[in-house]
């Protein structure tokens, strides 16, 4: 087991990470499925319990907190009951919610998943798309400006639901670079041009190909795509590739492939959130890009083995490294 990586995991404690992005509330309806409805050819779910978890950018913050980081969440919620549940879920996990603003023109984004026999059967989405207005944008930027001296890294968690505008992303990256702070982007392809000069960009393979309008996938195309995005955005890249692991593209031209650590894949929900949270904490703990990617790869391998929106603890990563 690599003692240097273990030491980095210990340094995650109390690293201060500011997460900006599209906050969601994930609701799960768990039930038993044993028959087909007499009304229509659909399964009947006998509901046994309901549960909630932070979703979207809030799941990134949740992952940072689960890995012992100190987390500040910044984003938008609606004036509704889901807002209250989400804020409560975040506070229960020790996440600072002072940067969460209420927008009366939008609902709190919700994803409701129906789970039967450990499988997702159906999902309902509650959302109203549209970019932030200038007033909200300014409030978010002001919040970051006030706190940037006392944080170790910023994560932009972009789900293309409206919080991450071109102006906001560019100003956040400029501010982070001026203050010599790490800024990592979990991107959406249609916003590719928002992310120039970030410390790191973390698309999955599908997103990376979509950014350049190329078809997926073979080893050669992944390398071409990664090199091209790095060149266009002047930012290092880690492309997550599911069962094929990760490809790390550094500014010096070095490319490293890291094989997956997943033993069994039950659910990929939130795996990207786990990756970006681990990367931010690792880089804030002075890891190299390859070391950070190695730790994130272990974390991703654990989270895909769980059902639903989930997090990973430092002890789980240590155990996975010991077991190898």
Protein backbone atom coordinates (compact mmCIF):
# COMPACT_ATOMS: atom_id res chain seq x y z
CA UNK A 1 0.00 0.00 0.00
CA UNK A 2 1.35 3.45 -0.97
CA UNK A 3 2.14 5.32 2.27
CA UNK A 4 2.33 8.64 0.41
CA UNK A 5 -1.28 8.24 -0.82
CA UNK A 6 -2.41 7.20 2.68
CA UNK A 7 -0.78 10.32 4.09
CA UNK A 8 -2.64 12.45 1.53
CA UNK A 9 -5.95 10.91 2.60
CA UNK A 10 -5.17 11.98 6.18
CA UNK A 11 -4.60 15.53 4.94
CA UNK A 12 -8.15 15.73 3.53
CA UNK A 13 -9.36 16.58 7.04
CA UNK A 14 -10.57 20.18 7.25
CA UNK A 15 -9.43 21.18 3.77
CA UNK A 16 -11.89 23.92 2.80
CA UNK A 17 -13.67 23.34 -0.49
CA UNK A 18 -16.21 25.72 -2.00
CA UNK A 19 -18.72 24.07 -4.36
CA UNK A 20 -20.64 26.22 -6.87
CA UNK A 21 -23.31 24.70 -9.09
CA UNK A 22 -26.74 23.26 -9.74
CA UNK A 23 -28.13 22.00 -6.43
CA UNK A 24 -30.72 19.21 -6.45
CA UNK A 25 -32.69 17.15 -3.99
CA UNK A 26 -32.65 13.41 -4.68
CA UNK A 27 -35.69 11.57 -3.35
CA UNK A 28 -35.88 7.78 -3.30
CA UNK A 29 -39.08 5.75 -3.10
CA UNK A 30 -38.12 2.21 -2.07
CA UNK A 31 -40.55 -0.63 -2.53
CA UNK A 32 -41.35 -4.24 -3.27
CA UNK A 33 -42.28 -5.29 -6.81
CA UNK A 34 -44.26 -8.51 -7.09
CA UNK A 35 -47.09 -7.98 -9.58
CA UNK A 36 -48.30 -6.19 -12.71
CA UNK A 37 -51.11 -3.63 -12.45
CA UNK A 38 -54.56 -4.78 -13.68
CA UNK A 39 -55.07 -1.22 -15.01
CA UNK A 40 -52.11 -1.14 -17.39
CA UNK A 41 -49.04 -3.29 -18.24
CA UNK A 42 -46.86 -1.68 -15.58
CA UNK A 43 -45.22 -2.90 -12.38
CA UNK A 44 -46.88 -2.12 -9.07
CA UNK A 45 -44.48 -0.86 -6.40
CA UNK A 46 -45.58 -1.43 -2.83
CA UNK A 47 -43.87 1.50 -1.10
CA UNK A 48 -41.87 0.56 1.99
CA UNK A 49 -39.94 3.76 2.71
CA UNK A 50 -38.83 7.10 1.32
CA UNK A 51 -35.44 8.75 1.74
CA UNK A 52 -33.66 11.93 0.67
CA UNK A 53 -30.10 12.82 -0.29
CA UNK A 54 -28.34 15.90 -1.65
CA UNK A 55 -28.09 15.63 -5.45
CA UNK A 56 -26.29 17.35 -8.32
CA UNK A 57 -23.77 19.89 -7.05
CA UNK A 58 -25.05 19.24 -3.52
CA UNK A 59 -23.86 15.63 -3.87
CA UNK A 60 -20.38 16.95 -4.70
CA UNK A 61 -20.48 18.94 -1.44
CA UNK A 62 -21.77 15.83 0.34
CA UNK A 63 -18.85 13.79 -1.01
CA UNK A 64 -16.35 16.42 0.15
CA UNK A 65 -17.90 16.33 3.64
CA UNK A 66 -17.89 12.50 3.72
CA UNK A 67 -14.15 12.60 2.95
CA UNK A 68 -13.61 14.86 6.01
CA UNK A 69 -13.37 18.13 4.06
CA UNK A 70 -15.01 21.36 5.19
CA UNK A 71 -17.61 22.29 2.57
CA UNK A 72 -19.30 25.52 1.52
CA UNK A 73 -22.24 25.03 -0.84
CA UNK A 74 -23.27 27.81 -3.24
CA UNK A 75 -26.30 27.62 -5.50
CA UNK A 76 -30.01 28.27 -5.94
CA UNK A 77 -33.15 26.74 -4.43
CA UNK A 78 -36.84 27.58 -4.81
CA UNK A 79 -39.32 28.87 -2.26
CA UNK A 80 -40.82 25.44 -1.55
CA UNK A 81 -40.89 22.42 0.75
CA UNK A 82 -38.08 20.69 -1.17
CA UNK A 83 -35.81 23.64 -0.29
CA UNK A 84 -36.38 23.03 3.43
CA UNK A 85 -35.68 19.30 3.12
CA UNK A 86 -32.51 19.90 1.09
CA UNK A 87 -31.11 22.55 3.45
CA UNK A 88 -31.83 20.24 6.38
CA UNK A 89 -30.08 17.30 4.65
CA UNK A 90 -27.01 19.45 3.96
CA UNK A 91 -26.83 20.86 7.49
CA UNK A 92 -27.17 17.34 8.94
CA UNK A 93 -24.01 16.46 7.01
CA UNK A 94 -22.11 19.45 8.36
CA UNK A 95 -22.18 21.41 5.08
CA UNK A 96 -22.21 25.21 5.25
CA UNK A 97 -25.36 26.50 3.48
CA UNK A 98 -24.81 30.27 3.84
CA UNK A 99 -24.19 30.56 0.08
CA UNK A 100 -27.50 28.96 -0.94
CA UNK A 101 -29.83 31.62 -2.34
CA UNK A 102 -33.59 31.46 -2.82
CA UNK A 103 -34.94 32.18 -6.30
CA UNK A 104 -38.70 32.75 -6.29
CA UNK A 105 -38.89 32.18 -10.06
CA UNK A 106 -37.64 28.59 -9.92
CA UNK A 107 -38.48 25.45 -7.97
CA UNK A 108 -35.84 23.53 -6.06
CA UNK A 109 -34.64 20.95 -8.60
CA UNK A 110 -35.78 17.46 -7.58
CA UNK A 111 -35.10 14.02 -9.00
CA UNK A 112 -37.44 11.37 -7.64
CA UNK A 113 -36.33 7.79 -8.24
CA UNK A 114 -38.48 4.71 -7.71
CA UNK A 115 -36.40 1.69 -6.64
CA UNK A 116 -37.67 -1.89 -6.62
CA UNK A 117 -35.50 -4.95 -5.88
CA UNK A 118 -32.43 -2.76 -5.89
CA UNK A 119 -33.12 -1.51 -9.44
CA UNK A 120 -34.22 1.94 -10.57
CA UNK A 121 -37.63 1.60 -12.22
CA UNK A 122 -38.60 5.19 -12.93
CA UNK A 123 -37.46 8.79 -12.41
CA UNK A 124 -39.45 12.03 -12.13
CA UNK A 125 -37.69 15.40 -12.61
CA UNK A 126 -38.95 18.70 -11.20
CA UNK A 127 -37.09 21.64 -12.70
CA UNK A 128 -37.35 24.90 -14.60
CA UNK A 129 -34.38 25.63 -16.84
CA UNK A 130 -33.00 29.07 -17.55
CA UNK A 131 -29.85 30.96 -16.60
CA UNK A 132 -29.50 33.07 -13.47
CA UNK A 133 -30.27 36.75 -13.71
CA UNK A 134 -27.46 39.27 -13.17
CA UNK A 135 -28.53 40.01 -9.60
CA UNK A 136 -28.21 36.35 -8.52
CA UNK A 137 -24.93 36.03 -10.42
CA UNK A 138 -23.54 39.03 -8.57
CA UNK A 139 -24.62 37.65 -5.16
CA UNK A 140 -22.84 34.35 -5.85
CA UNK A 141 -19.67 36.13 -6.96
CA UNK A 142 -19.76 38.39 -3.89
CA UNK A 143 -20.03 35.35 -1.63
CA UNK A 144 -16.99 33.74 -3.27
CA UNK A 145 -14.95 36.96 -3.16
CA UNK A 146 -15.54 37.25 0.60
CA UNK A 147 -14.42 33.69 1.30
CA UNK A 148 -11.74 32.89 -1.28
CA UNK A 149 -8.78 33.80 0.93
CA UNK A 150 -9.80 31.14 3.46
CA UNK A 151 -10.49 28.21 1.11
CA UNK A 152 -8.22 25.63 -0.52
CA UNK A 153 -10.15 24.89 -3.73
CA UNK A 154 -13.28 25.69 -5.75
CA UNK A 155 -15.35 23.10 -7.60
CA UNK A 156 -17.67 24.23 -10.40
CA UNK A 157 -20.30 21.49 -10.64
CA UNK A 158 -22.15 22.24 -13.88
CA UNK A 159 -25.33 20.29 -14.62
CA UNK A 160 -26.47 22.88 -17.21
CA UNK A 161 -29.55 23.79 -15.16
CA UNK A 162 -28.79 27.52 -15.16
CA UNK A 163 -26.51 28.38 -12.23
CA UNK A 164 -23.26 28.25 -14.21
CA UNK A 165 -23.35 31.07 -16.74
CA UNK A 166 -20.44 32.01 -19.02
CA UNK A 167 -19.87 35.24 -17.10
CA UNK A 168 -19.92 33.53 -13.69
CA UNK A 169 -17.62 30.67 -14.75
CA UNK A 170 -15.09 33.02 -16.36
CA UNK A 171 -15.06 35.35 -13.35
CA UNK A 172 -14.67 32.47 -10.89
CA UNK A 173 -11.74 31.00 -12.87
CA UNK A 174 -10.09 34.42 -13.21
CA UNK A 175 -10.52 35.09 -9.47
CA UNK A 176 -9.15 31.65 -8.50
CA UNK A 177 -6.11 32.06 -10.75
CA UNK A 178 -5.42 35.55 -9.36
CA UNK A 179 -5.61 34.23 -5.79
CA UNK A 180 -3.63 31.08 -6.71
CA UNK A 181 -6.47 28.77 -5.72
CA UNK A 182 -7.30 25.39 -7.29
CA UNK A 183 -10.44 25.47 -9.46
CA UNK A 184 -11.81 22.22 -10.87
CA UNK A 185 -14.71 21.96 -13.32
CA UNK A 186 -17.09 19.03 -13.66
CA UNK A 187 -18.36 20.17 -17.08
CA UNK A 188 -21.29 20.02 -19.45
CA UNK A 189 -20.34 19.82 -23.15
CA UNK A 190 -22.50 22.73 -24.31
CA UNK A 191 -20.62 25.01 -21.88
CA UNK A 192 -17.16 23.95 -23.06
CA UNK A 193 -16.02 27.51 -23.78
CA UNK A 194 -16.87 28.60 -20.23
CA UNK A 195 -13.95 26.69 -18.71
CA UNK A 196 -10.76 28.10 -20.23
CA UNK A 197 -7.73 28.27 -17.88
CA UNK A 198 -9.22 26.12 -15.11
CA UNK A 199 -6.83 24.08 -12.93
CA UNK A 200 -8.51 20.87 -14.09
CA UNK A 201 -11.54 19.74 -16.13
CA UNK A 202 -13.13 16.32 -15.49
CA UNK A 203 -15.49 15.17 -18.28
CA UNK A 204 -16.52 11.58 -18.71
CA UNK A 205 -15.76 9.97 -22.06
CA UNK A 206 -19.16 10.74 -23.56
CA UNK A 207 -18.95 14.40 -22.50
CA UNK A 208 -15.41 14.78 -23.85
CA UNK A 209 -16.41 13.39 -27.25
CA UNK A 210 -19.52 15.59 -27.31
CA UNK A 211 -17.40 18.67 -26.63
CA UNK A 212 -15.68 18.13 -29.98
CA UNK A 213 -18.62 16.53 -31.82
CA UNK A 214 -16.76 13.28 -32.39
CA UNK A 215 -18.06 9.75 -32.12
CA UNK A 216 -17.13 7.46 -29.25
CA UNK A 217 -14.82 5.55 -28.73
CA UNK A 218 -11.52 3.83 -29.22
CA UNK A 219 -8.15 4.33 -27.54
CA UNK A 220 -6.91 6.54 -30.35
CA UNK A 221 -9.97 8.84 -30.35
CA UNK A 222 -9.80 9.32 -26.55
CA UNK A 223 -6.19 10.50 -26.85
CA UNK A 224 -7.00 12.84 -29.74
CA UNK A 225 -10.03 14.28 -27.93
CA UNK A 226 -8.15 14.81 -24.66
CA UNK A 227 -5.22 16.53 -26.37
CA UNK A 228 -7.53 18.78 -28.38
CA UNK A 229 -9.63 19.89 -25.38
CA UNK A 230 -6.49 20.60 -23.34
CA UNK A 231 -5.10 22.69 -26.18
CA UNK A 232 -8.36 24.62 -26.74
CA UNK A 233 -9.08 25.31 -23.05
CA UNK A 234 -5.50 25.57 -21.77
CA UNK A 235 -6.41 23.25 -18.90
CA UNK A 236 -5.32 19.75 -17.82
CA UNK A 237 -7.93 17.05 -18.19
CA UNK A 238 -9.00 13.82 -16.52
CA UNK A 239 -11.41 11.84 -18.70
CA UNK A 240 -13.34 9.22 -16.72
CA UNK A 241 -14.01 6.13 -18.83
CA UNK A 242 -16.23 3.84 -16.76
CA UNK A 243 -14.92 0.27 -16.74
CA UNK A 244 -11.80 1.46 -18.62
CA UNK A 245 -10.67 3.70 -15.77
CA UNK A 246 -9.32 7.21 -16.34
CA UNK A 247 -7.08 9.04 -18.80
CA UNK A 248 -4.98 11.89 -17.39
CA UNK A 249 -3.81 14.65 -19.77
CA UNK A 250 -1.18 17.02 -18.39
CA UNK A 251 0.02 20.33 -19.81
CA UNK A 252 3.52 18.94 -20.35
CA UNK A 253 2.02 16.54 -22.91
CA UNK A 254 2.15 13.48 -20.64
CA UNK A 255 -0.83 11.11 -20.89
CA UNK A 256 -1.46 8.44 -18.24
CA UNK A 257 -4.08 5.68 -18.29
CA UNK A 258 -5.27 4.49 -14.87
CA UNK A 259 -7.23 1.20 -14.88
CA UNK A 260 -10.52 1.02 -12.99
CA UNK A 261 -10.68 -0.19 -9.39
CA UNK A 262 -14.39 -1.13 -9.52
CA UNK A 263 -15.10 -4.77 -8.60
CA UNK A 264 -18.86 -4.71 -9.26
CA UNK A 265 -20.97 -1.94 -10.76
CA UNK A 266 -24.46 -1.56 -9.28
CA UNK A 267 -25.19 2.09 -9.92
CA UNK A 268 -23.25 4.90 -11.63
CA UNK A 269 -25.40 7.70 -10.09
CA UNK A 270 -23.09 10.33 -8.61
CA UNK A 271 -19.80 8.62 -9.53
CA UNK A 272 -18.58 11.80 -11.25
CA UNK A 273 -19.42 13.79 -8.11
CA UNK A 274 -17.28 11.43 -6.02
CA UNK A 275 -14.41 11.77 -8.50
CA UNK A 276 -14.37 15.58 -8.56
CA UNK A 277 -14.68 15.81 -4.75
CA UNK A 278 -11.73 13.44 -4.26
CA UNK A 279 -9.64 15.25 -6.87
CA UNK A 280 -10.22 18.63 -5.21
CA UNK A 281 -9.22 17.34 -1.77
CA UNK A 282 -6.20 15.48 -3.14
CA UNK A 283 -4.89 18.48 -5.10
CA UNK A 284 -5.49 20.69 -2.06
CA UNK A 285 -3.32 18.16 -0.14
CA UNK A 286 -0.46 18.74 -2.63
CA UNK A 287 -1.01 15.58 -4.69
CA UNK A 288 0.26 15.49 -8.25
CA UNK A 289 -2.40 15.11 -10.93
CA UNK A 290 -1.60 11.39 -11.29
CA UNK A 291 -1.72 10.81 -7.53
CA UNK A 292 -5.04 12.68 -7.28
CA UNK A 293 -6.46 10.62 -10.17
CA UNK A 294 -5.33 7.37 -8.50
CA UNK A 295 -7.17 8.26 -5.28
CA UNK A 296 -10.25 9.41 -7.23
CA UNK A 297 -10.20 6.12 -9.14
CA UNK A 298 -10.32 4.12 -5.89
CA UNK A 299 -13.19 6.32 -4.65
CA UNK A 300 -15.15 5.89 -7.90
CA UNK A 301 -14.66 2.11 -7.75
CA UNK A 302 -16.31 2.09 -4.33
CA UNK A 303 -19.24 4.40 -5.11
CA UNK A 304 -20.41 2.46 -8.21
CA UNK A 305 -20.75 -0.57 -5.94
CA UNK A 306 -23.52 1.18 -4.00
CA UNK A 307 -27.15 1.80 -4.97
CA UNK A 308 -28.37 5.40 -5.29
CA UNK A 309 -26.68 8.72 -4.65
CA UNK A 310 -23.83 7.72 -2.37
CA UNK A 311 -20.59 8.91 -0.82
CA UNK A 312 -17.26 7.33 0.06
CA UNK A 313 -15.34 7.62 3.33
CA UNK A 314 -11.56 7.90 3.73
CA UNK A 315 -11.53 4.56 5.61
CA UNK A 316 -13.22 2.84 2.64
CA UNK A 317 -10.52 4.12 0.27
CA UNK A 318 -7.81 2.93 2.66
CA UNK A 319 -9.43 -0.51 2.87
CA UNK A 320 -9.69 -0.76 -0.94
CA UNK A 321 -5.97 0.05 -1.17
CA UNK A 322 -5.12 -2.54 1.50
CA UNK A 323 -7.24 -5.22 -0.20
CA UNK A 324 -5.52 -4.80 -3.54
